[in-house]
C-alpha atoms as a PDB file:
ATOM      1  CA  UNK A   1      50.500  52.445 -35.747  1.00  0.00           C
ATOM      2  CA  UNK A   2      49.738  49.270 -37.495  1.00  0.00           C
ATOM      3  CA  UNK A   3      51.154  47.431 -34.508  1.00  0.00           C
ATOM      4  CA  UNK A   4      48.825  49.313 -32.180  1.00  0.00           C
ATOM      5  CA  UNK A   5      45.785  48.329 -34.153  1.00  0.00           C
ATOM      6  CA  UNK A   6      46.706  44.664 -33.934  1.00  0.00           C
ATOM      7  CA  UNK A   7      47.232  44.970 -30.213  1.00  0.00           C
ATOM      8  CA  UNK A   8      43.878  46.702 -29.801  1.00  0.00           C
ATOM      9  CA  UNK A   9      42.192  44.055 -31.847  1.00  0.00           C
ATOM     10  CA  UNK A  10      43.936  41.370 -29.767  1.00  0.00           C
ATOM     11  CA  UNK A  11      42.799  43.025 -26.522  1.00  0.00           C
ATOM     12  CA  UNK A  12      39.290  43.335 -27.891  1.00  0.00           C
ATOM     13  CA  UNK A  13      39.324  39.689 -28.895  1.00  0.00           C
ATOM     14  CA  UNK A  14      40.592  38.682 -25.442  1.00  0.00           C
ATOM     15  CA  UNK A  15      37.910  40.828 -23.803  1.00  0.00           C
ATOM     16  CA  UNK A  16      35.259  39.260 -25.988  1.00  0.00           C
ATOM     17  CA  UNK A  17      36.548  35.791 -25.153  1.00  0.00           C
ATOM     18  CA  UNK A  18      36.551  36.611 -21.441  1.00  0.00           C
ATOM     19  CA  UNK A  19      33.047  38.033 -21.702  1.00  0.00           C
ATOM     20  CA  UNK A  20      31.922  34.903 -23.513  1.00  0.00           C
ATOM     21  CA  UNK A  21      33.459  32.725 -20.791  1.00  0.00           C
ATOM     22  CA  UNK A  22      31.872  34.842 -18.052  1.00  0.00           C
ATOM     23  CA  UNK A  23      28.504  34.691 -19.822  1.00  0.00           C
ATOM     24  CA  UNK A  24      28.835  30.920 -20.204  1.00  0.00           C
ATOM     25  CA  UNK A  25      29.571  30.640 -16.468  1.00  0.00           C
ATOM     26  CA  UNK A  26      26.501  32.752 -15.623  1.00  0.00           C
ATOM     27  CA  UNK A  27      24.370  30.636 -17.978  1.00  0.00           C
ATOM     28  CA  UNK A  28      25.743  27.463 -16.409  1.00  0.00           C
ATOM     29  CA  UNK A  29      25.005  28.776 -12.903  1.00  0.00           C
ATOM     30  CA  UNK A  30      21.446  29.631 -13.950  1.00  0.00           C
ATOM     31  CA  UNK A  31      21.028  26.188 -15.519  1.00  0.00           C
ATOM     32  CA  UNK A  32      22.362  24.528 -12.368  1.00  0.00           C
ATOM     33  CA  UNK A  33      20.016  26.610 -10.196  1.00  0.00           C
ATOM     34  CA  UNK A  34      17.092  25.688 -12.476  1.00  0.00           C
ATOM     35  CA  UNK A  35      18.006  21.990 -12.304  1.00  0.00           C
ATOM     36  CA  UNK A  36      18.237  22.186  -8.512  1.00  0.00           C
ATOM     37  CA  UNK A  37      14.826  23.892  -8.366  1.00  0.00           C
ATOM     38  CA  UNK A  38      13.301  21.255 -10.652  1.00  0.00           C
ATOM     39  CA  UNK A  39      14.926  18.517  -8.564  1.00  0.00           C
ATOM     40  CA  UNK A  40      13.403  19.947  -5.375  1.00  0.00           C
ATOM     41  CA  UNK A  41       9.991  20.130  -7.076  1.00  0.00           C
ATOM     42  CA  UNK A  42      10.293  16.515  -8.219  1.00  0.00           C
ATOM     43  CA  UNK A  43      11.301  15.398  -4.714  1.00  0.00           C
ATOM     44  CA  UNK A  44       8.441  17.356  -3.157  1.00  0.00           C
ATOM     45  CA  UNK A  45       5.941  15.837  -5.589  1.00  0.00           C
ATOM     46  CA  UNK A  46       7.330  12.336  -4.988  1.00  0.00           C
ATOM     47  CA  UNK A  47       7.129  12.836  -1.227  1.00  0.00           C
ATOM     48  CA  UNK A  48       3.515  14.021  -1.463  1.00  0.00           C
ATOM     49  CA  UNK A  49       2.660  11.059  -3.693  1.00  0.00           C
ATOM     50  CA  UNK A  50       4.265   8.601  -1.281  1.00  0.00           C
ATOM     51  CA  UNK A  51       2.304  10.167   1.585  1.00  0.00           C
ATOM     52  CA  UNK A  52      -0.958   9.743  -0.359  1.00  0.00           C
ATOM     53  CA  UNK A  53      -0.086   6.120  -1.111  1.00  0.00           C
ATOM     54  CA  UNK A  54       0.771   5.467   2.547  1.00  0.00           C
ATOM     55  CA  UNK A  55      -2.465   7.142   3.646  1.00  0.00           C
ATOM     56  CA  UNK A  56      -4.579   5.040   1.259  1.00  0.00           C
ATOM     57  CA  UNK A  57      -2.719   1.915   2.366  1.00  0.00           C
ATOM     58  CA  UNK A  58      -3.385   2.714   6.024  1.00  0.00           C
ATOM     59  CA  UNK A  59      -7.070   3.256   5.239  1.00  0.00           C
ATOM     60  CA  UNK A  60      -7.267  -0.079   3.418  1.00  0.00           C
ATOM     61  CA  UNK A  61      -5.500  -1.881   6.253  1.00  0.00           C
ATOM     62  CA  UNK A  62      -7.890  -0.313   8.770  1.00  0.00           C
ATOM     63  CA  UNK A  63     -10.924  -1.392   6.713  1.00  0.00           C
ATOM     64  CA  UNK A  64      -9.592  -4.935   6.315  1.00  0.00           C
ATOM     65  CA  UNK A  65      -8.759  -5.150  10.009  1.00  0.00           C
ATOM     66  CA  UNK A  66     -12.218  -3.858  10.979  1.00  0.00           C
ATOM     67  CA  UNK A  67     -13.848  -6.378   8.628  1.00  0.00           C
ATOM     68  CA  UNK A  68     -11.927  -9.359   9.980  1.00  0.00           C
ATOM     69  CA  UNK A  69     -12.295  -8.207  13.590  1.00  0.00           C
ATOM     70  CA  UNK A  70     -16.061  -8.016  13.137  1.00  0.00           C
ATOM     71  CA  UNK A  71     -16.110 -11.361  11.357  1.00  0.00           C
ATOM     72  CA  UNK A  72     -14.014 -13.016  14.074  1.00  0.00           C
ATOM     73  CA  UNK A  73     -16.245 -11.506  16.744  1.00  0.00           C
ATOM     74  CA  UNK A  74     -19.355 -12.827  14.995  1.00  0.00           C
ATOM     75  CA  UNK A  75     -17.781 -16.281  14.612  1.00  0.00           C
ATOM     76  CA  UNK A  76     -16.813 -16.356  18.284  1.00  0.00           C
ATOM     77  CA  UNK A  77     -20.316 -15.315  19.349  1.00  0.00           C
ATOM     78  CA  UNK A  78     -21.844 -17.963  17.091  1.00  0.00           C
ATOM     79  CA  UNK A  79     -19.558 -20.628  18.545  1.00  0.00           C
ATOM     80  CA  UNK A  80     -20.316 -19.500  22.090  1.00  0.00           C
ATOM     81  CA  UNK A  81     -24.071 -19.650  21.420  1.00  0.00           C
ATOM     82  CA  UNK A  82     -23.677 -23.083  19.885  1.00  0.00           C
ATOM     83  CA  UNK A  83     -21.676 -24.330  22.881  1.00  0.00           C
ATOM     84  CA  UNK A  84     -24.187 -22.786  25.262  1.00  0.00           C
ATOM     85  CA  UNK A  85     -27.063 -24.552  23.468  1.00  0.00           C
ATOM     86  CA  UNK A  86     -25.231 -27.892  23.486  1.00  0.00           C
ATOM     87  CA  UNK A  87     -24.520 -27.586  27.186  1.00  0.00           C
ATOM     88  CA  UNK A  88     -28.215 -27.191  27.908  1.00  0.00           C
ATOM     89  CA  UNK A  89     -29.477 -29.912  25.554  1.00  0.00           C
ATOM     90  CA  UNK A  90     -29.912 -33.516  26.601  1.00  0.00           C
ATOM     91  CA  UNK A  91     -26.920 -35.485  25.412  1.00  0.00           C
ATOM     92  CA  UNK A  92     -27.389 -38.761  23.579  1.00  0.00           C
ATOM     93  CA  UNK A  93     -24.717 -40.143  25.880  1.00  0.00           C
ATOM     94  CA  UNK A  94     -26.252 -39.212  29.209  1.00  0.00           C
ATOM     95  CA  UNK A  95     -26.994 -42.279  31.282  1.00  0.00           C
ATOM     96  CA  UNK A  96     -28.679 -42.684  34.627  1.00  0.00           C
ATOM     97  CA  UNK A  97     -26.701 -43.920  37.601  1.00  0.00           C
ATOM     98  CA  UNK A  98     -27.923 -47.533  37.251  1.00  0.00           C
ATOM     99  CA  UNK A  99     -26.752 -47.712  33.624  1.00  0.00           C
ATOM    100  CA  UNK A 100     -23.358 -46.263  34.574  1.00  0.00           C
ATOM    101  CA  UNK A 101     -23.023 -48.848  37.349  1.00  0.00           C
ATOM    102  CA  UNK A 102     -23.837 -51.692  34.943  1.00  0.00           C
ATOM    103  CA  UNK A 103     -21.242 -50.478  32.434  1.00  0.00           C
ATOM    104  CA  UNK A 104     -18.622 -50.071  35.150  1.00  0.00           C
ATOM    105  CA  UNK A 105     -19.224 -53.606  36.444  1.00  0.00           C
ATOM    106  CA  UNK A 106     -19.093 -55.066  32.938  1.00  0.00           C
ATOM    107  CA  UNK A 107     -15.822 -53.346  32.103  1.00  0.00           C
ATOM    108  CA  UNK A 108     -14.300 -54.335  35.468  1.00  0.00           C
ATOM    109  CA  UNK A 109     -15.320 -57.968  34.974  1.00  0.00           C
ATOM    110  CA  UNK A 110     -13.912 -57.960  31.465  1.00  0.00           C
ATOM    111  CA  UNK A 111     -10.588 -56.491  32.561  1.00  0.00           C
ATOM    112  CA  UNK A 112     -10.198 -58.852  35.516  1.00  0.00           C
ATOM    113  CA  UNK A 113     -11.256 -61.901  33.557  1.00  0.00           C
ATOM    114  CA  UNK A 114     -14.141 -62.714  35.848  1.00  0.00           C
ATOM    115  CA  UNK A 115     -16.753 -62.262  33.135  1.00  0.00           C
ATOM    116  CA  UNK A 116     -18.247 -65.623  32.328  1.00  0.00           C
ATOM    117  CA  UNK A 117     -19.620 -64.379  29.061  1.00  0.00           C
ATOM    118  CA  UNK A 118     -16.197 -63.818  27.460  1.00  0.00           C
ATOM    119  CA  UNK A 119     -15.534 -66.046  24.512  1.00  0.00           C
ATOM    120  CA  UNK A 120     -13.173 -68.800  25.601  1.00  0.00           C
ATOM    121  CA  UNK A 121     -14.029 -68.289  29.267  1.00  0.00           C
ATOM    122  CA  UNK A 122     -10.748 -66.619  30.084  1.00  0.00           C
ATOM    123  CA  UNK A 123      -8.926 -63.383  30.338  1.00  0.00           C
ATOM    124  CA  UNK A 124      -8.327 -61.503  27.111  1.00  0.00           C
ATOM    125  CA  UNK A 125      -4.785 -61.530  25.852  1.00  0.00           C
END
């Protein structure tokens, strides 16, 4: 009977070892499932955070764009008003027809060399 007791003890030890292995596998599966759950939570949180960042960035871009659009519009209107005023003001360079004729004749005489008032009395070189 002594041999039977050793065999029983050996079977019990094998059963205990198998139970320990099975328990370790169950614990590992639970740990893996927990890690997967935590990973999904982390990914979800990161995705939500990135969406908030993108939303704030879009809002900032919209505000900046609105600011510069308004500023450009104001600048354009100011320039248009300024041009409009200048078009209606008397220019310092406006001459009457007689003055324009005199200038034209003087330039033509100078270019053709028929101007007697040129220094040296001849055509410019």
